């Protein structure tokens, strides 16, 4: 007679599904200090409100069709970026919950070969993430670099300035400071987008590696005289549970 083994439908390592209270705890899980709260709010307003608005207001200063197409296209891209940001922000509690799954799967049984394979996948993810950050930040630094190498003949984001910034030193330095401020916001925005864009790719890469290891564990389940029937059945059910965690 097959042994009776009780297996819960939910792995306690993952926890229960999010309630409204749990979602709030996941988003704001620590007792942050006042300066941390001010930093987060200021960062959010500057990057996602003022910086986006600076692009939108440029639609009021259009001299020809070429300028209109250029400014409309960049505004459309930014609007999609805004939608993506708010979607991820709204799902932040679920994203935090998702982060627990790889940790849970990492605690499962693995052979030395499987550990090496998982390390290679993680190293690839780190390299991909670093390369993405360099690409995003490098693209944001092109205009400031061109301004620096121009020796004062060009200005970063020059098409935003609707006056003669070469008129005198005050106009030049004031315009340069404004351009530097917008560049800083652009760099911050690039970091936000860098964190959002490759998330699905990296997450699925890690889960795919874990899924392959689970399939190997399934394939290796067989009669073992060194284990009782109950222990073998427990191994099988643990494989099923880990598979459920990935597919959930």
Protein backbone atom coordinates (compact mmCIF):
# COMPACT_ATOMS: atom_id res chain seq x y z
CA UNK A 1 0.00 0.00 0.00
CA UNK A 2 1.39 3.40 -1.00
CA UNK A 3 2.30 5.63 1.91
CA UNK A 4 0.11 8.56 2.71
CA UNK A 5 1.98 11.85 2.47
CA UNK A 6 0.37 15.17 3.19
CA UNK A 7 1.53 17.87 0.80
CA UNK A 8 0.10 21.33 1.14
CA UNK A 9 -1.11 23.09 -1.97
CA UNK A 10 1.09 26.05 -1.15
CA UNK A 11 4.76 25.91 -0.25
CA UNK A 12 5.25 27.56 3.14
CA UNK A 13 8.54 28.90 1.87
CA UNK A 14 6.63 31.09 -0.56
CA UNK A 15 3.91 32.24 1.80
CA UNK A 16 0.25 32.96 1.31
CA UNK A 17 -1.15 35.04 -1.48
CA UNK A 18 -1.09 38.78 -1.14
CA UNK A 19 -3.84 40.47 0.71
CA UNK A 20 -4.24 44.24 0.52
CA UNK A 21 -2.34 44.55 3.79
CA UNK A 22 0.43 42.28 2.53
CA UNK A 23 0.81 44.37 -0.62
CA UNK A 24 1.28 47.51 1.43
CA UNK A 25 3.84 45.74 3.60
CA UNK A 26 5.74 44.55 0.53
CA UNK A 27 5.93 48.02 -0.98
CA UNK A 28 6.78 49.78 2.29
CA UNK A 29 8.21 46.98 4.38
CA UNK A 30 10.61 48.96 6.56
CA UNK A 31 10.44 51.90 8.91
CA UNK A 32 12.33 54.35 6.73
CA UNK A 33 13.78 57.52 8.17
CA UNK A 34 12.47 60.93 7.15
CA UNK A 35 15.46 61.68 4.92
CA UNK A 36 14.89 58.42 3.05
CA UNK A 37 11.24 59.29 2.45
CA UNK A 38 12.19 62.78 1.24
CA UNK A 39 14.77 61.27 -1.10
CA UNK A 40 12.26 58.83 -2.62
CA UNK A 41 9.53 61.44 -3.10
CA UNK A 42 11.94 64.03 -4.54
CA UNK A 43 13.46 61.46 -6.86
CA UNK A 44 10.04 60.38 -8.04
CA UNK A 45 8.80 63.93 -8.70
CA UNK A 46 11.96 65.10 -10.46
CA UNK A 47 12.38 62.04 -12.65
CA UNK A 48 8.79 61.10 -13.47
CA UNK A 49 7.03 64.47 -13.38
CA UNK A 50 9.31 67.43 -14.03
CA UNK A 51 11.56 65.67 -16.53
CA UNK A 52 8.66 64.27 -18.55
CA UNK A 53 6.91 67.64 -18.45
CA UNK A 54 10.04 69.31 -19.85
CA UNK A 55 9.61 67.17 -22.97
CA UNK A 56 5.87 67.76 -23.23
CA UNK A 57 6.20 71.53 -23.06
CA UNK A 58 8.51 71.45 -26.07
CA UNK A 59 5.48 70.69 -28.24
CA UNK A 60 4.49 74.34 -27.74
CA UNK A 61 7.67 75.49 -29.48
CA UNK A 62 7.57 74.07 -32.99
CA UNK A 63 8.76 75.96 -36.06
CA UNK A 64 8.44 73.34 -38.80
CA UNK A 65 7.19 69.84 -39.52
CA UNK A 66 10.59 68.28 -38.88
CA UNK A 67 10.71 69.65 -35.34
CA UNK A 68 7.13 68.53 -34.74
CA UNK A 69 7.89 64.95 -35.82
CA UNK A 70 11.04 64.85 -33.70
CA UNK A 71 9.31 66.13 -30.58
CA UNK A 72 6.17 64.05 -31.06
CA UNK A 73 8.19 60.85 -31.47
CA UNK A 74 10.23 61.40 -28.31
CA UNK A 75 7.08 62.28 -26.37
CA UNK A 76 5.39 59.09 -27.53
CA UNK A 77 8.41 57.06 -26.37
CA UNK A 78 8.36 58.81 -23.00
CA UNK A 79 4.63 58.25 -22.57
CA UNK A 80 5.10 54.53 -23.15
CA UNK A 81 7.93 54.63 -20.64
CA UNK A 82 5.60 56.31 -18.15
CA UNK A 83 2.92 53.67 -18.67
CA UNK A 84 5.51 50.92 -18.20
CA UNK A 85 6.77 52.56 -15.01
CA UNK A 86 3.30 52.81 -13.48
CA UNK A 87 2.44 49.22 -14.46
CA UNK A 88 5.57 47.92 -12.73
CA UNK A 89 4.96 50.21 -9.76
CA UNK A 90 1.42 48.88 -9.44
CA UNK A 91 2.73 45.31 -9.57
CA UNK A 92 5.65 46.01 -7.24
CA UNK A 93 4.18 43.84 -4.48
CA UNK A 94 3.95 40.89 -6.87
CA UNK A 95 7.47 41.55 -8.13
CA UNK A 96 8.79 41.47 -4.56
CA UNK A 97 6.92 38.21 -4.00
CA UNK A 98 8.41 36.79 -7.20
CA UNK A 99 11.91 37.46 -5.88
CA UNK A 100 11.31 34.85 -3.18
CA UNK A 101 10.87 32.05 -5.72
CA UNK A 102 14.50 31.78 -6.90
CA UNK A 103 15.65 31.83 -3.27
CA UNK A 104 13.22 29.02 -2.52
CA UNK A 105 14.38 26.98 -5.51
CA UNK A 106 18.05 27.59 -4.70
CA UNK A 107 17.54 25.77 -1.40
CA UNK A 108 16.51 22.58 -3.22
CA UNK A 109 18.82 19.60 -3.82
CA UNK A 110 21.37 20.18 -6.61
CA UNK A 111 24.34 18.25 -7.92
CA UNK A 112 27.73 19.87 -8.43
CA UNK A 113 27.13 20.04 -12.18
CA UNK A 114 23.76 21.72 -11.67
CA UNK A 115 25.30 24.26 -9.28
CA UNK A 116 27.96 25.12 -11.85
CA UNK A 117 25.30 25.51 -14.53
CA UNK A 118 23.24 27.79 -12.31
CA UNK A 119 26.33 29.87 -11.54
CA UNK A 120 26.95 30.34 -15.27
CA UNK A 121 23.37 31.50 -15.76
CA UNK A 122 23.67 33.94 -12.86
CA UNK A 123 26.97 35.27 -14.19
CA UNK A 124 25.34 35.80 -17.59
CA UNK A 125 22.49 37.69 -15.94
CA UNK A 126 24.94 39.91 -14.06
CA UNK A 127 26.91 40.61 -17.25
CA UNK A 128 23.73 41.33 -19.20
CA UNK A 129 22.49 43.67 -16.48
CA UNK A 130 25.81 45.52 -16.33
CA UNK A 131 25.98 45.80 -20.13
CA UNK A 132 22.45 47.18 -20.23
CA UNK A 133 23.32 49.79 -17.62
CA UNK A 134 26.44 50.87 -19.54
CA UNK A 135 24.41 51.08 -22.77
CA UNK A 136 21.61 53.14 -21.20
CA UNK A 137 23.94 55.47 -19.32
CA UNK A 138 26.28 55.81 -22.30
CA UNK A 139 23.40 56.87 -24.52
CA UNK A 140 22.40 59.50 -21.98
CA UNK A 141 25.95 60.89 -21.87
CA UNK A 142 26.33 61.41 -25.62
CA UNK A 143 24.94 64.97 -25.63
CA UNK A 144 26.91 66.15 -22.56
CA UNK A 145 30.06 64.66 -24.08
CA UNK A 146 29.43 66.49 -27.36
CA UNK A 147 28.94 69.71 -25.40
CA UNK A 148 32.22 69.22 -23.56
CA UNK A 149 34.19 68.55 -26.74
CA UNK A 150 32.65 71.50 -28.60
CA UNK A 151 34.53 74.08 -26.47
CA UNK A 152 31.45 76.22 -26.02
CA UNK A 153 30.19 76.11 -29.62
CA UNK A 154 27.40 73.62 -28.88
CA UNK A 155 25.06 73.02 -25.98
CA UNK A 156 23.42 69.84 -24.77
CA UNK A 157 19.70 69.74 -25.65
CA UNK A 158 20.13 72.93 -27.65
CA UNK A 159 16.77 72.55 -29.40
CA UNK A 160 15.06 73.10 -26.02
CA UNK A 161 16.49 76.60 -25.69
CA UNK A 162 14.44 79.17 -27.56
CA UNK A 163 16.78 82.13 -27.18
CA UNK A 164 20.32 83.01 -28.16
CA UNK A 165 22.36 81.35 -25.43
CA UNK A 166 25.57 82.70 -27.03
CA UNK A 167 24.46 86.26 -26.33
CA UNK A 168 26.58 86.66 -23.20
CA UNK A 169 28.36 84.64 -20.53
CA UNK A 170 25.37 84.72 -18.17
CA UNK A 171 23.04 83.16 -20.77
CA UNK A 172 25.63 80.54 -21.64
CA UNK A 173 26.42 79.44 -18.10
CA UNK A 174 22.76 79.57 -17.04
CA UNK A 175 21.77 77.43 -20.01
CA UNK A 176 24.66 75.07 -19.32
CA UNK A 177 23.56 74.57 -15.71
CA UNK A 178 19.98 73.85 -16.83
CA UNK A 179 21.27 71.34 -19.39
CA UNK A 180 23.42 69.67 -16.72
CA UNK A 181 20.40 69.39 -14.41
CA UNK A 182 18.31 67.77 -17.14
CA UNK A 183 21.21 65.44 -17.93
CA UNK A 184 21.29 64.27 -14.31
CA UNK A 185 17.56 63.55 -14.51
CA UNK A 186 18.14 61.71 -17.78
CA UNK A 187 20.78 59.53 -16.13
CA UNK A 188 18.41 58.77 -13.26
CA UNK A 189 15.63 57.94 -15.71
CA UNK A 190 18.02 55.63 -17.57
CA UNK A 191 18.67 53.73 -14.34
CA UNK A 192 14.92 53.35 -13.76
CA UNK A 193 14.36 52.07 -17.29
CA UNK A 194 17.39 49.80 -17.04
CA UNK A 195 15.90 48.19 -13.93
CA UNK A 196 12.50 47.73 -15.60
CA UNK A 197 13.36 46.61 -19.13
CA UNK A 198 15.52 43.46 -18.65
CA UNK A 199 13.64 42.20 -15.59
CA UNK A 200 11.54 39.61 -17.45
CA UNK A 201 14.51 38.32 -19.47
CA UNK A 202 16.70 37.81 -16.42
CA UNK A 203 13.91 36.30 -14.33
CA UNK A 204 12.91 33.82 -17.04
CA UNK A 205 16.55 32.85 -17.60
CA UNK A 206 16.96 31.88 -13.95
CA UNK A 207 13.61 30.05 -13.84
CA UNK A 208 14.45 28.19 -17.05
CA UNK A 209 17.68 26.92 -15.48
CA UNK A 210 15.79 25.78 -12.39
CA UNK A 211 13.13 24.08 -14.54
CA UNK A 212 15.79 22.09 -16.40
CA UNK A 213 17.25 20.94 -13.08
CA UNK A 214 13.81 19.90 -11.84
CA UNK A 215 13.25 17.87 -15.02
CA UNK A 216 16.60 16.16 -14.39
CA UNK A 217 15.48 15.38 -10.84
CA UNK A 218 12.28 13.84 -12.22
CA UNK A 219 14.33 11.73 -14.64
CA UNK A 220 16.58 10.50 -11.83
CA UNK A 221 13.72 9.28 -9.65
CA UNK A 222 13.85 5.48 -9.62
CA UNK A 223 13.84 2.56 -7.25
CA UNK A 224 16.57 3.06 -4.69
CA UNK A 225 17.15 0.26 -2.16
CA UNK A 226 18.82 2.80 0.12
CA UNK A 227 15.55 4.74 0.53
CA UNK A 228 12.19 3.75 1.86
CA UNK A 229 9.14 4.01 -0.33
CA UNK A 230 7.97 6.99 1.70
CA UNK A 231 11.27 8.84 1.19
CA UNK A 232 11.19 8.22 -2.56
CA UNK A 233 7.62 9.46 -2.68
CA UNK A 234 8.64 12.56 -0.73
CA UNK A 235 11.35 13.28 -3.32
CA UNK A 236 8.78 12.96 -6.08
CA UNK A 237 6.33 15.28 -4.34
CA UNK A 238 9.09 17.82 -3.69
CA UNK A 239 9.86 17.84 -7.41
CA UNK A 240 6.18 18.43 -8.11
CA UNK A 241 6.09 21.27 -5.59
CA UNK A 242 9.16 22.97 -7.07
CA UNK A 243 7.63 22.58 -10.53
CA UNK A 244 4.44 24.20 -9.25
CA UNK A 245 6.42 27.13 -7.84
CA UNK A 246 7.90 27.82 -11.27
CA UNK A 247 4.62 27.44 -13.14
CA UNK A 248 2.55 29.44 -10.65
